[in-house]
């Protein structure tokens, strides 16, 4: 069965180009030309990944991303014509898994879609409940993909959970941003390590009592990040 991709894009030429390349690579696609329709389709549960433009009529991509992320745990790849860091940070902070800036090569889009679907499939695989981790009040269950801090559940996006779980599996080991990006996104030649910085910041806001003085994820300036056991 073909994997289903939702394209939310108001420029017909760009939407059709994305559709053609994805369908040539075996995906089934549907296009929404405004934010309201994109949100409706995105929440329908019919799709396995969403390619979401930022600048949309009726409802912008940031709001669409936020509302979908509140309800569903699927990969969201945001597309923006603007290169300002604030747009990238905002999109990732709202739960997007990745971003691309226009113009981009269609082959790059296909590569990212394949990478995110493949990684998502692996992370959603079956496992044993004995895989649950508990470290100093932080509990992670990779089977249910639920996280608890001092027995209170915290809501994490797909990539936030992946990043936290990976670091917790390797306590006291220092990973650079490049290493984390390559291991978790798997497309280091196509992306930006700023993605890692944003996800670390969002994780600290959710799991640390004081994000400015973290007890779980430490920053080692000039080296990277380390999860304290």
N, C-alpha and C. Protein backbone atom coordinates (compact mmCIF):
# COMPACT_ATOMS: atom_id res chain seq x y z
N UNK A 1 0.84 -1.19 0.00
CA UNK A 1 0.00 0.00 0.00
C UNK A 1 0.88 1.25 0.00
N UNK A 2 0.51 2.25 -0.79
CA UNK A 2 1.30 3.46 -0.90
C UNK A 2 1.19 4.30 0.36
N UNK A 3 2.30 4.93 0.75
CA UNK A 3 2.30 5.85 1.88
C UNK A 3 1.61 7.14 1.47
N UNK A 4 0.91 7.76 2.38
CA UNK A 4 0.08 8.93 2.06
C UNK A 4 0.71 10.21 2.61
N UNK A 5 0.85 11.21 1.74
CA UNK A 5 1.47 12.47 2.08
C UNK A 5 0.49 13.61 1.81
N UNK A 6 0.33 14.51 2.77
CA UNK A 6 -0.48 15.71 2.58
C UNK A 6 0.45 16.88 2.27
N UNK A 7 0.17 17.57 1.17
CA UNK A 7 0.90 18.77 0.78
C UNK A 7 0.01 19.98 1.01
N UNK A 8 0.43 20.89 1.87
CA UNK A 8 -0.34 22.10 2.13
C UNK A 8 0.46 23.27 1.55
N UNK A 9 0.04 23.74 0.40
CA UNK A 9 0.80 24.73 -0.36
C UNK A 9 -0.15 25.52 -1.26
N UNK A 10 -0.09 26.86 -1.19
CA UNK A 10 -1.03 27.69 -1.94
C UNK A 10 -0.52 28.08 -3.33
N UNK A 11 0.74 27.83 -3.63
CA UNK A 11 1.26 28.13 -4.96
C UNK A 11 1.12 26.87 -5.83
N UNK A 12 0.21 26.90 -6.81
CA UNK A 12 -0.07 25.67 -7.59
C UNK A 12 1.16 25.04 -8.23
N UNK A 13 2.07 25.86 -8.78
CA UNK A 13 3.23 25.28 -9.46
C UNK A 13 4.12 24.52 -8.48
N UNK A 14 4.27 25.06 -7.28
CA UNK A 14 5.11 24.38 -6.27
C UNK A 14 4.41 23.13 -5.76
N UNK A 15 3.12 23.24 -5.49
CA UNK A 15 2.36 22.09 -5.00
C UNK A 15 2.38 20.95 -6.01
N UNK A 16 2.21 21.29 -7.29
CA UNK A 16 2.20 20.26 -8.34
C UNK A 16 3.57 19.63 -8.52
N UNK A 17 4.62 20.44 -8.38
CA UNK A 17 5.98 19.89 -8.47
C UNK A 17 6.24 18.91 -7.33
N UNK A 18 5.86 19.29 -6.12
CA UNK A 18 6.03 18.39 -4.97
C UNK A 18 5.23 17.11 -5.18
N UNK A 19 3.99 17.27 -5.62
CA UNK A 19 3.13 16.10 -5.87
C UNK A 19 3.76 15.17 -6.90
N UNK A 20 4.22 15.73 -8.02
CA UNK A 20 4.76 14.90 -9.11
C UNK A 20 5.98 14.10 -8.65
N UNK A 21 6.89 14.75 -7.94
CA UNK A 21 8.10 14.05 -7.51
C UNK A 21 7.78 12.99 -6.45
N UNK A 22 6.88 13.31 -5.54
CA UNK A 22 6.53 12.33 -4.51
C UNK A 22 5.80 11.13 -5.14
N UNK A 23 4.91 11.40 -6.07
CA UNK A 23 4.18 10.29 -6.69
C UNK A 23 5.09 9.45 -7.59
N UNK A 24 6.07 10.10 -8.22
CA UNK A 24 7.05 9.34 -9.00
C UNK A 24 7.86 8.39 -8.12
N UNK A 25 7.96 8.73 -6.85
CA UNK A 25 8.71 7.90 -5.90
C UNK A 25 7.79 6.97 -5.10
N UNK A 26 6.57 6.82 -5.57
CA UNK A 26 5.70 5.80 -4.99
C UNK A 26 4.76 6.24 -3.90
N UNK A 27 4.66 7.55 -3.65
CA UNK A 27 3.77 8.02 -2.60
C UNK A 27 2.42 8.44 -3.19
N UNK A 28 1.41 8.38 -2.35
CA UNK A 28 0.09 8.89 -2.71
C UNK A 28 -0.07 10.25 -2.04
N UNK A 29 -0.49 11.26 -2.77
CA UNK A 29 -0.55 12.62 -2.22
C UNK A 29 -1.92 13.24 -2.37
N UNK A 30 -2.14 14.26 -1.57
CA UNK A 30 -3.31 15.12 -1.69
C UNK A 30 -2.86 16.54 -1.38
N UNK A 31 -3.45 17.51 -2.08
CA UNK A 31 -3.04 18.90 -1.94
C UNK A 31 -4.15 19.72 -1.29
N UNK A 32 -3.76 20.55 -0.34
CA UNK A 32 -4.65 21.57 0.22
C UNK A 32 -4.04 22.93 -0.09
N UNK A 33 -4.86 23.88 -0.56
CA UNK A 33 -4.31 25.16 -1.03
C UNK A 33 -4.47 26.29 -0.02
N UNK A 34 -5.01 25.99 1.17
CA UNK A 34 -5.07 27.01 2.22
C UNK A 34 -4.98 26.33 3.58
N UNK A 35 -4.74 27.14 4.60
CA UNK A 35 -4.51 26.59 5.93
C UNK A 35 -5.71 25.89 6.54
N UNK A 36 -6.90 26.42 6.31
CA UNK A 36 -8.09 25.82 6.90
C UNK A 36 -8.34 24.42 6.34
N UNK A 37 -8.22 24.30 5.01
CA UNK A 37 -8.40 22.98 4.40
C UNK A 37 -7.27 22.04 4.81
N UNK A 38 -6.06 22.58 4.89
CA UNK A 38 -4.92 21.77 5.32
C UNK A 38 -5.11 21.24 6.72
N UNK A 39 -5.62 22.08 7.61
CA UNK A 39 -5.87 21.64 8.99
C UNK A 39 -6.93 20.54 9.03
N UNK A 40 -8.00 20.74 8.27
CA UNK A 40 -9.07 19.75 8.23
C UNK A 40 -8.56 18.40 7.74
N UNK A 41 -7.81 18.42 6.64
CA UNK A 41 -7.27 17.17 6.12
C UNK A 41 -6.21 16.58 7.05
N UNK A 42 -5.37 17.46 7.62
CA UNK A 42 -4.31 16.99 8.50
C UNK A 42 -4.84 16.27 9.72
N UNK A 43 -5.99 16.71 10.22
CA UNK A 43 -6.58 16.09 11.41
C UNK A 43 -7.43 14.87 11.09
N UNK A 44 -7.58 14.57 9.79
CA UNK A 44 -8.45 13.46 9.40
C UNK A 44 -7.86 12.10 9.74
N UNK A 45 -6.52 12.05 9.95
CA UNK A 45 -5.87 10.78 10.24
C UNK A 45 -5.56 9.96 9.01
N UNK A 46 -5.76 10.52 7.81
CA UNK A 46 -5.54 9.79 6.56
C UNK A 46 -4.08 9.78 6.12
N UNK A 47 -3.25 10.66 6.70
CA UNK A 47 -1.93 10.87 6.16
C UNK A 47 -0.83 10.45 7.14
N UNK A 48 0.31 10.05 6.57
CA UNK A 48 1.43 9.59 7.38
C UNK A 48 2.53 10.64 7.52
N UNK A 49 2.46 11.71 6.73
CA UNK A 49 3.42 12.81 6.82
C UNK A 49 2.78 14.03 6.16
N UNK A 50 3.13 15.22 6.68
CA UNK A 50 2.59 16.47 6.14
C UNK A 50 3.73 17.37 5.71
N UNK A 51 3.66 17.85 4.47
CA UNK A 51 4.57 18.88 3.97
C UNK A 51 3.79 20.20 4.04
N UNK A 52 4.22 21.09 4.91
CA UNK A 52 3.39 22.24 5.30
C UNK A 52 4.10 23.56 5.02
N UNK A 53 3.51 24.38 4.14
CA UNK A 53 4.06 25.71 3.87
C UNK A 53 3.73 26.64 5.04
N UNK A 54 4.57 27.64 5.27
CA UNK A 54 4.34 28.60 6.35
C UNK A 54 3.34 29.66 5.95
N UNK A 55 3.56 30.31 4.81
CA UNK A 55 2.70 31.41 4.36
C UNK A 55 1.51 30.86 3.59
N UNK A 56 0.35 30.81 4.25
CA UNK A 56 -0.85 30.25 3.66
C UNK A 56 -2.03 31.19 3.85
N UNK A 57 -2.98 31.21 2.92
CA UNK A 57 -4.19 31.99 3.15
C UNK A 57 -5.09 31.33 4.20
N UNK A 58 -5.91 32.14 4.84
CA UNK A 58 -6.92 31.73 5.82
C UNK A 58 -6.34 31.32 7.18
N UNK A 59 -5.27 30.54 7.17
CA UNK A 59 -4.65 30.10 8.43
C UNK A 59 -3.19 29.79 8.13
N UNK A 60 -2.27 30.44 8.87
CA UNK A 60 -0.86 30.24 8.52
C UNK A 60 -0.34 28.88 8.98
N UNK A 61 0.80 28.50 8.42
CA UNK A 61 1.35 27.18 8.70
C UNK A 61 1.72 26.95 10.14
N UNK A 62 2.12 28.01 10.85
CA UNK A 62 2.46 27.86 12.26
C UNK A 62 1.24 27.39 13.06
N UNK A 63 0.11 28.02 12.81
CA UNK A 63 -1.11 27.66 13.53
C UNK A 63 -1.57 26.25 13.14
N UNK A 64 -1.47 25.93 11.86
CA UNK A 64 -1.84 24.59 11.40
C UNK A 64 -0.96 23.55 12.09
N UNK A 65 0.34 23.80 12.15
CA UNK A 65 1.27 22.88 12.79
C UNK A 65 0.91 22.68 14.26
N UNK A 66 0.67 23.77 14.95
CA UNK A 66 0.35 23.69 16.38
C UNK A 66 -0.90 22.86 16.63
N UNK A 67 -1.94 23.10 15.85
CA UNK A 67 -3.21 22.39 16.08
C UNK A 67 -3.10 20.92 15.73
N UNK A 68 -2.38 20.62 14.67
CA UNK A 68 -2.20 19.20 14.32
C UNK A 68 -1.35 18.50 15.36
N UNK A 69 -0.28 19.15 15.80
CA UNK A 69 0.60 18.54 16.79
C UNK A 69 -0.12 18.30 18.11
N UNK A 70 -1.09 19.15 18.45
CA UNK A 70 -1.86 18.95 19.67
C UNK A 70 -2.67 17.67 19.63
N UNK A 71 -2.98 17.19 18.41
CA UNK A 71 -3.87 16.04 18.27
C UNK A 71 -3.17 14.78 17.77
N UNK A 72 -2.16 14.94 16.91
CA UNK A 72 -1.57 13.79 16.23
C UNK A 72 -0.05 13.75 16.36
N UNK A 73 0.48 12.55 16.30
CA UNK A 73 1.92 12.35 16.36
C UNK A 73 2.39 11.79 15.02
N UNK A 74 2.54 12.70 14.03
CA UNK A 74 3.03 12.31 12.71
C UNK A 74 4.11 13.30 12.29
N UNK A 75 5.01 12.90 11.39
CA UNK A 75 6.06 13.82 10.95
C UNK A 75 5.47 15.03 10.22
N UNK A 76 5.96 16.22 10.56
CA UNK A 76 5.56 17.46 9.89
C UNK A 76 6.83 18.14 9.37
N UNK A 77 6.88 18.34 8.05
CA UNK A 77 8.01 18.99 7.39
C UNK A 77 7.54 20.37 6.94
N UNK A 78 8.05 21.42 7.57
CA UNK A 78 7.62 22.77 7.23
C UNK A 78 8.48 23.35 6.11
N UNK A 79 7.84 24.17 5.28
CA UNK A 79 8.51 24.81 4.15
C UNK A 79 8.29 26.32 4.27
N UNK A 80 9.37 27.09 4.17
CA UNK A 80 9.26 28.54 4.27
C UNK A 80 10.09 29.22 3.19
N UNK A 81 9.56 30.34 2.70
CA UNK A 81 10.30 31.14 1.72
C UNK A 81 11.23 32.11 2.41
N UNK A 82 11.09 32.24 3.73
CA UNK A 82 11.91 33.17 4.50
C UNK A 82 13.02 32.40 5.21
N UNK A 83 14.18 33.01 5.29
CA UNK A 83 15.33 32.35 5.88
C UNK A 83 15.65 32.85 7.29
N UNK A 84 14.79 33.73 7.82
CA UNK A 84 15.05 34.26 9.16
C UNK A 84 15.04 33.14 10.20
N UNK A 85 16.01 33.18 11.09
CA UNK A 85 16.10 32.15 12.13
C UNK A 85 14.84 32.08 12.98
N UNK A 86 14.20 33.22 13.21
CA UNK A 86 13.04 33.23 14.10
C UNK A 86 11.92 32.37 13.54
N UNK A 87 11.75 32.35 12.21
CA UNK A 87 10.72 31.51 11.61
C UNK A 87 11.05 30.04 11.80
N UNK A 88 12.32 29.69 11.61
CA UNK A 88 12.75 28.31 11.77
C UNK A 88 12.57 27.86 13.22
N UNK A 89 13.01 28.69 14.14
CA UNK A 89 12.89 28.36 15.57
C UNK A 89 11.44 28.23 15.97
N UNK A 90 10.61 29.15 15.46
CA UNK A 90 9.19 29.10 15.81
C UNK A 90 8.54 27.82 15.31
N UNK A 91 8.82 27.45 14.06
CA UNK A 91 8.24 26.24 13.51
C UNK A 91 8.65 25.00 14.28
N UNK A 92 9.93 24.87 14.59
CA UNK A 92 10.40 23.72 15.35
C UNK A 92 9.84 23.73 16.76
N UNK A 93 9.72 24.93 17.32
CA UNK A 93 9.18 25.03 18.67
C UNK A 93 7.73 24.62 18.76
N UNK A 94 6.99 24.75 17.67
CA UNK A 94 5.58 24.36 17.64
C UNK A 94 5.39 22.88 17.34
N UNK A 95 6.49 22.17 17.12
CA UNK A 95 6.39 20.73 16.96
C UNK A 95 6.74 20.19 15.60
N UNK A 96 7.17 21.05 14.66
CA UNK A 96 7.60 20.53 13.36
C UNK A 96 8.84 19.66 13.55
N UNK A 97 8.97 18.62 12.74
CA UNK A 97 10.12 17.73 12.83
C UNK A 97 11.31 18.24 12.04
N UNK A 98 11.04 19.07 11.03
CA UNK A 98 12.11 19.52 10.16
C UNK A 98 11.60 20.73 9.38
N UNK A 99 12.49 21.40 8.66
CA UNK A 99 12.09 22.53 7.84
C UNK A 99 12.95 22.58 6.59
N UNK A 100 12.41 23.21 5.56
CA UNK A 100 13.15 23.45 4.32
C UNK A 100 12.87 24.88 3.90
N UNK A 101 13.86 25.53 3.28
CA UNK A 101 13.66 26.88 2.79
C UNK A 101 13.61 26.87 1.26
N UNK A 102 12.68 27.66 0.71
CA UNK A 102 12.56 27.78 -0.75
C UNK A 102 13.66 28.71 -1.26
N UNK A 103 14.15 28.46 -2.49
CA UNK A 103 13.83 27.29 -3.33
C UNK A 103 14.63 26.07 -2.91
N UNK A 104 14.07 24.90 -3.14
CA UNK A 104 14.79 23.67 -2.81
C UNK A 104 14.64 22.69 -3.96
N UNK A 105 15.53 21.73 -4.02
CA UNK A 105 15.48 20.73 -5.08
C UNK A 105 14.44 19.68 -4.72
N UNK A 106 13.58 19.29 -5.67
CA UNK A 106 12.57 18.26 -5.38
C UNK A 106 13.18 16.97 -4.83
N UNK A 107 14.39 16.63 -5.30
CA UNK A 107 15.04 15.41 -4.81
C UNK A 107 15.33 15.52 -3.32
N UNK A 108 15.62 16.74 -2.85
CA UNK A 108 15.86 16.94 -1.42
C UNK A 108 14.59 16.69 -0.63
N UNK A 109 13.46 17.17 -1.15
CA UNK A 109 12.18 16.93 -0.49
C UNK A 109 11.92 15.43 -0.37
N UNK A 110 12.10 14.71 -1.45
CA UNK A 110 11.86 13.27 -1.44
C UNK A 110 12.78 12.58 -0.43
N UNK A 111 14.05 13.00 -0.39
CA UNK A 111 15.00 12.39 0.54
C UNK A 111 14.56 12.62 1.98
N UNK A 112 14.09 13.81 2.28
CA UNK A 112 13.68 14.09 3.66
C UNK A 112 12.41 13.32 4.03
N UNK A 113 11.48 13.26 3.09
CA UNK A 113 10.26 12.49 3.35
C UNK A 113 10.59 11.03 3.63
N UNK A 114 11.44 10.45 2.81
CA UNK A 114 11.84 9.05 3.02
C UNK A 114 12.52 8.86 4.37
N UNK A 115 13.41 9.79 4.71
CA UNK A 115 14.15 9.67 5.97
C UNK A 115 13.23 9.75 7.17
N UNK A 116 12.29 10.70 7.15
CA UNK A 116 11.40 10.86 8.30
C UNK A 116 10.42 9.70 8.43
N UNK A 117 9.89 9.21 7.32
CA UNK A 117 8.99 8.07 7.39
C UNK A 117 9.71 6.81 7.87
N UNK A 118 10.93 6.60 7.37
CA UNK A 118 11.71 5.43 7.78
C UNK A 118 12.03 5.48 9.26
N UNK A 119 12.48 6.64 9.72
CA UNK A 119 12.82 6.78 11.14
C UNK A 119 11.59 6.65 12.02
N UNK A 120 10.49 7.22 11.57
CA UNK A 120 9.25 7.14 12.33
C UNK A 120 8.80 5.69 12.45
N UNK A 121 8.91 4.93 11.36
CA UNK A 121 8.52 3.52 11.40
C UNK A 121 9.35 2.75 12.41
N UNK A 122 10.66 3.00 12.42
CA UNK A 122 11.53 2.28 13.37
C UNK A 122 11.19 2.64 14.80
N UNK A 123 10.93 3.90 15.04
CA UNK A 123 10.65 4.35 16.40
C UNK A 123 9.28 3.93 16.89
N UNK A 124 8.38 3.61 15.95
CA UNK A 124 7.04 3.14 16.31
C UNK A 124 6.96 1.63 16.36
N UNK A 125 8.10 0.96 16.20
CA UNK A 125 8.12 -0.50 16.17
C UNK A 125 7.74 -1.09 17.52
N UNK A 126 7.42 -2.36 17.47
CA UNK A 126 7.01 -3.04 18.70
C UNK A 126 8.21 -3.30 19.61
N UNK A 127 7.96 -3.31 20.88
CA UNK A 127 9.03 -3.59 21.83
C UNK A 127 8.47 -4.14 23.12
N UNK A 128 9.32 -4.39 24.07
CA UNK A 128 8.92 -4.93 25.36
C UNK A 128 8.85 -3.82 26.38
N UNK A 129 7.92 -3.96 27.33
CA UNK A 129 7.75 -2.94 28.35
C UNK A 129 8.97 -2.84 29.25
N UNK A 130 9.85 -3.87 29.18
CA UNK A 130 11.06 -3.82 30.01
C UNK A 130 12.03 -2.76 29.49
N UNK A 131 11.72 -2.16 28.34
CA UNK A 131 12.58 -1.13 27.80
C UNK A 131 12.41 0.20 28.51
N UNK A 132 11.46 0.30 29.42
CA UNK A 132 11.20 1.55 30.11
C UNK A 132 12.43 2.00 30.91
N UNK A 133 12.72 3.28 30.81
CA UNK A 133 13.85 3.87 31.54
C UNK A 133 13.34 4.74 32.67
N UNK A 134 14.04 4.72 33.81
CA UNK A 134 13.70 5.62 34.91
C UNK A 134 15.00 6.14 35.52
N UNK A 135 15.18 7.45 35.45
CA UNK A 135 16.39 8.08 35.93
C UNK A 135 16.04 9.32 36.73
N UNK A 136 16.26 9.26 38.03
CA UNK A 136 16.08 10.41 38.91
C UNK A 136 14.76 11.16 38.68
N UNK A 137 13.67 10.39 38.70
CA UNK A 137 12.35 11.01 38.59
C UNK A 137 11.86 11.17 37.16
N UNK A 138 12.72 10.89 36.19
CA UNK A 138 12.32 10.94 34.78
C UNK A 138 12.07 9.52 34.30
N UNK A 139 10.88 9.28 33.76
CA UNK A 139 10.53 7.93 33.28
C UNK A 139 10.11 8.01 31.82
N UNK A 140 10.72 7.15 30.99
CA UNK A 140 10.45 7.12 29.56
C UNK A 140 10.01 5.72 29.15
N UNK A 141 8.88 5.64 28.47
CA UNK A 141 8.41 4.35 27.97
C UNK A 141 8.42 4.40 26.44
N UNK A 142 9.40 3.75 25.80
CA UNK A 142 9.49 3.83 24.34
C UNK A 142 8.37 3.10 23.61
N UNK A 143 7.69 2.16 24.29
CA UNK A 143 6.60 1.43 23.65
C UNK A 143 5.38 2.32 23.47
N UNK A 144 5.02 3.01 24.53
CA UNK A 144 3.88 3.93 24.46
C UNK A 144 4.30 5.34 24.06
N UNK A 145 5.65 5.57 24.05
CA UNK A 145 6.21 6.89 23.73
C UNK A 145 5.64 7.96 24.67
N UNK A 146 5.61 7.62 25.95
CA UNK A 146 5.14 8.55 26.98
C UNK A 146 6.28 8.89 27.92
N UNK A 147 6.27 10.11 28.40
CA UNK A 147 7.32 10.59 29.29
C UNK A 147 6.68 11.15 30.56
N UNK A 148 7.33 10.87 31.70
CA UNK A 148 6.81 11.33 32.98
C UNK A 148 7.95 11.96 33.78
N UNK A 149 7.68 13.07 34.41
CA UNK A 149 8.62 13.71 35.31
C UNK A 149 7.97 13.79 36.67
N UNK A 150 8.57 13.09 37.64
CA UNK A 150 8.01 13.00 38.99
C UNK A 150 6.54 12.57 38.94
N UNK A 151 6.29 11.53 38.11
CA UNK A 151 4.97 10.90 37.94
C UNK A 151 3.93 11.78 37.26
N UNK A 152 4.34 12.93 36.74
CA UNK A 152 3.43 13.77 35.96
C UNK A 152 3.82 13.66 34.49
N UNK A 153 2.84 13.32 33.65
CA UNK A 153 3.13 13.14 32.23
C UNK A 153 3.41 14.49 31.56
N UNK A 154 4.42 14.49 30.71
CA UNK A 154 4.72 15.67 29.90
C UNK A 154 4.54 15.29 28.43
N UNK A 155 4.01 16.22 27.66
CA UNK A 155 3.74 15.97 26.24
C UNK A 155 4.95 16.35 25.41
N UNK A 156 5.49 15.37 24.70
CA UNK A 156 6.66 15.59 23.85
C UNK A 156 6.30 15.33 22.40
N UNK A 157 6.90 16.09 21.50
CA UNK A 157 6.75 15.80 20.08
C UNK A 157 7.57 14.56 19.74
N UNK A 158 7.39 14.06 18.54
CA UNK A 158 8.12 12.86 18.11
C UNK A 158 9.62 13.03 18.27
N UNK A 159 10.14 14.11 17.74
CA UNK A 159 11.59 14.31 17.78
C UNK A 159 12.08 14.64 19.18
N UNK A 160 11.28 15.32 19.98
CA UNK A 160 11.68 15.59 21.36
C UNK A 160 11.84 14.28 22.13
N UNK A 161 10.88 13.37 21.95
CA UNK A 161 10.98 12.08 22.64
C UNK A 161 12.18 11.30 22.13
N UNK A 162 12.37 11.29 20.81
CA UNK A 162 13.51 10.55 20.24
C UNK A 162 14.83 11.06 20.81
N UNK A 163 14.98 12.37 20.86
CA UNK A 163 16.22 12.98 21.34
C UNK A 163 16.45 12.67 22.81
N UNK A 164 15.42 12.84 23.62
CA UNK A 164 15.55 12.59 25.05
C UNK A 164 15.85 11.11 25.32
N UNK A 165 15.15 10.23 24.62
CA UNK A 165 15.35 8.80 24.82
C UNK A 165 16.77 8.38 24.41
N UNK A 166 17.25 8.93 23.30
CA UNK A 166 18.60 8.60 22.85
C UNK A 166 19.63 9.05 23.88
N UNK A 167 19.50 10.27 24.37
CA UNK A 167 20.47 10.76 25.35
C UNK A 167 20.40 9.95 26.64
N UNK A 168 19.18 9.60 27.06
CA UNK A 168 19.03 8.83 28.30
C UNK A 168 19.60 7.41 28.17
N UNK A 169 19.60 6.89 26.95
CA UNK A 169 20.18 5.56 26.72
C UNK A 169 21.70 5.59 26.76
N UNK A 170 22.29 6.80 26.68
CA UNK A 170 23.75 6.95 26.68
C UNK A 170 24.17 7.96 27.74
N UNK A 171 23.87 7.68 29.01
CA UNK A 171 24.19 8.65 30.06
C UNK A 171 25.68 8.93 30.17
N UNK A 172 25.98 10.18 30.49
CA UNK A 172 27.36 10.65 30.72
C UNK A 172 28.23 10.65 29.46
N UNK A 173 27.61 10.42 28.31
CA UNK A 173 28.35 10.48 27.05
C UNK A 173 28.08 11.82 26.39
N UNK A 174 29.12 12.49 25.93
CA UNK A 174 28.98 13.80 25.31
C UNK A 174 28.78 13.62 23.80
N UNK A 175 27.70 14.22 23.28
CA UNK A 175 27.41 14.18 21.85
C UNK A 175 27.42 15.61 21.32
N UNK A 176 28.09 15.82 20.21
CA UNK A 176 28.06 17.12 19.57
C UNK A 176 26.72 17.30 18.85
N UNK A 177 26.42 18.55 18.47
CA UNK A 177 25.19 18.80 17.72
C UNK A 177 25.19 18.04 16.41
N UNK A 178 26.35 17.98 15.76
CA UNK A 178 26.45 17.25 14.49
C UNK A 178 26.14 15.77 14.67
N UNK A 179 26.67 15.19 15.74
CA UNK A 179 26.44 13.76 15.99
C UNK A 179 24.96 13.48 16.27
N UNK A 180 24.34 14.33 17.07
CA UNK A 180 22.93 14.14 17.38
C UNK A 180 22.06 14.30 16.15
N UNK A 181 22.39 15.30 15.35
CA UNK A 181 21.61 15.52 14.14
C UNK A 181 21.72 14.33 13.20
N UNK A 182 22.93 13.83 13.02
CA UNK A 182 23.13 12.71 12.11
C UNK A 182 22.43 11.46 12.61
N UNK A 183 22.51 11.19 13.90
CA UNK A 183 21.92 9.97 14.45
C UNK A 183 20.40 10.00 14.46
N UNK A 184 19.82 11.17 14.77
CA UNK A 184 18.37 11.24 14.96
C UNK A 184 17.61 11.71 13.74
N UNK A 185 18.22 12.57 12.94
CA UNK A 185 17.56 13.02 11.72
C UNK A 185 18.01 12.21 10.52
N UNK A 186 19.26 11.77 10.55
CA UNK A 186 19.75 10.90 9.50
C UNK A 186 19.96 11.56 8.16
N UNK A 187 19.91 12.91 8.13
CA UNK A 187 20.03 13.64 6.86
C UNK A 187 20.94 14.84 7.09
N UNK A 188 22.09 14.57 7.70
CA UNK A 188 22.97 15.67 8.11
C UNK A 188 23.43 16.52 6.94
N UNK A 189 23.52 15.96 5.75
CA UNK A 189 23.99 16.75 4.61
C UNK A 189 22.92 17.69 4.07
N UNK A 190 21.68 17.54 4.56
CA UNK A 190 20.57 18.32 4.02
C UNK A 190 19.99 19.29 5.03
N UNK A 191 20.41 19.23 6.27
CA UNK A 191 19.74 20.02 7.29
C UNK A 191 20.64 21.00 8.00
N UNK A 192 20.20 21.42 9.18
CA UNK A 192 20.88 22.45 9.95
C UNK A 192 20.89 22.02 11.40
N UNK A 193 22.07 22.03 12.03
CA UNK A 193 22.18 21.57 13.42
C UNK A 193 21.47 22.49 14.39
N UNK A 194 21.00 23.64 13.93
CA UNK A 194 20.20 24.50 14.80
C UNK A 194 18.95 23.75 15.29
N UNK A 195 18.50 22.80 14.48
CA UNK A 195 17.38 21.96 14.86
C UNK A 195 17.61 21.32 16.23
N UNK A 196 18.82 20.82 16.46
CA UNK A 196 19.15 20.17 17.73
C UNK A 196 19.06 21.18 18.88
N UNK A 197 19.61 22.37 18.68
CA UNK A 197 19.58 23.40 19.73
C UNK A 197 18.16 23.73 20.14
N UNK A 198 17.27 23.88 19.17
CA UNK A 198 15.88 24.20 19.46
C UNK A 198 15.21 23.07 20.24
N UNK A 199 15.45 21.84 19.83
CA UNK A 199 14.82 20.71 20.51
C UNK A 199 15.34 20.54 21.94
N UNK A 200 16.62 20.78 22.15
CA UNK A 200 17.17 20.73 23.51
C UNK A 200 16.49 21.78 24.39
N UNK A 201 16.36 22.99 23.85
CA UNK A 201 15.72 24.07 24.62
C UNK A 201 14.28 23.71 24.99
N UNK A 202 13.53 23.18 24.02
CA UNK A 202 12.14 22.81 24.30
C UNK A 202 12.06 21.67 25.31
N UNK A 203 12.98 20.71 25.22
CA UNK A 203 12.99 19.62 26.19
C UNK A 203 13.23 20.14 27.60
N UNK A 204 14.19 21.04 27.75
CA UNK A 204 14.48 21.59 29.08
C UNK A 204 13.28 22.33 29.65
N UNK A 205 12.55 23.03 28.80
CA UNK A 205 11.37 23.75 29.28
C UNK A 205 10.32 22.78 29.81
N UNK A 206 10.31 21.57 29.27
CA UNK A 206 9.27 20.61 29.64
C UNK A 206 9.67 19.68 30.79
N UNK A 207 10.96 19.34 30.90
CA UNK A 207 11.34 18.32 31.89
C UNK A 207 12.13 18.87 33.07
N UNK A 208 12.70 20.05 32.93
CA UNK A 208 13.52 20.60 34.01
C UNK A 208 12.69 21.52 34.91
N UNK A 209 12.95 21.47 36.21
CA UNK A 209 12.30 22.42 37.12
C UNK A 209 12.78 23.84 36.83
N UNK A 210 14.06 23.98 36.51
CA UNK A 210 14.65 25.27 36.16
C UNK A 210 15.46 25.06 34.88
N UNK A 211 14.89 25.47 33.74
CA UNK A 211 15.56 25.20 32.47
C UNK A 211 16.90 25.92 32.34
N UNK A 212 17.09 26.97 33.13
CA UNK A 212 18.37 27.68 33.09
C UNK A 212 19.46 26.93 33.86
N UNK A 213 19.04 26.03 34.74
CA UNK A 213 19.99 25.21 35.52
C UNK A 213 19.57 23.74 35.43
N UNK A 214 19.74 23.14 34.27
CA UNK A 214 19.23 21.80 34.04
C UNK A 214 19.96 20.73 34.87
N UNK A 215 19.20 19.74 35.29
CA UNK A 215 19.77 18.62 36.03
C UNK A 215 19.85 17.36 35.17
N UNK A 216 19.16 17.36 34.03
CA UNK A 216 19.18 16.18 33.17
C UNK A 216 20.12 16.37 31.97
N UNK A 217 19.86 17.38 31.17
CA UNK A 217 20.65 17.58 29.95
C UNK A 217 21.59 18.76 30.14
N UNK A 218 22.87 18.45 30.19
CA UNK A 218 23.89 19.47 30.39
C UNK A 218 24.46 19.94 29.06
N UNK A 219 24.85 21.20 29.01
CA UNK A 219 25.59 21.74 27.87
C UNK A 219 27.06 21.82 28.24
N UNK A 220 27.90 21.26 27.41
CA UNK A 220 29.35 21.40 27.57
C UNK A 220 29.82 22.29 26.44
N UNK A 221 30.07 23.55 26.75
CA UNK A 221 30.36 24.55 25.74
C UNK A 221 31.53 24.14 24.87
N UNK A 222 31.31 24.18 23.57
CA UNK A 222 32.33 23.80 22.62
C UNK A 222 32.41 22.32 22.34
N UNK A 223 31.62 21.53 23.10
CA UNK A 223 31.67 20.07 22.93
C UNK A 223 30.31 19.49 22.54
N UNK A 224 29.25 19.88 23.26
CA UNK A 224 27.94 19.33 22.93
C UNK A 224 27.06 19.19 24.16
N UNK A 225 26.31 18.08 24.20
CA UNK A 225 25.33 17.85 25.27
C UNK A 225 25.58 16.49 25.93
N UNK A 226 25.23 16.42 27.22
CA UNK A 226 25.41 15.18 27.97
C UNK A 226 24.22 14.98 28.91
N UNK A 227 23.71 13.77 28.94
CA UNK A 227 22.64 13.41 29.87
C UNK A 227 23.26 12.87 31.16
N UNK A 228 22.96 13.52 32.28
CA UNK A 228 23.55 13.11 33.56
C UNK A 228 22.80 11.91 34.13
N UNK A 229 23.52 10.90 34.53
CA UNK A 229 22.91 9.71 35.13
C UNK A 229 22.58 9.97 36.59
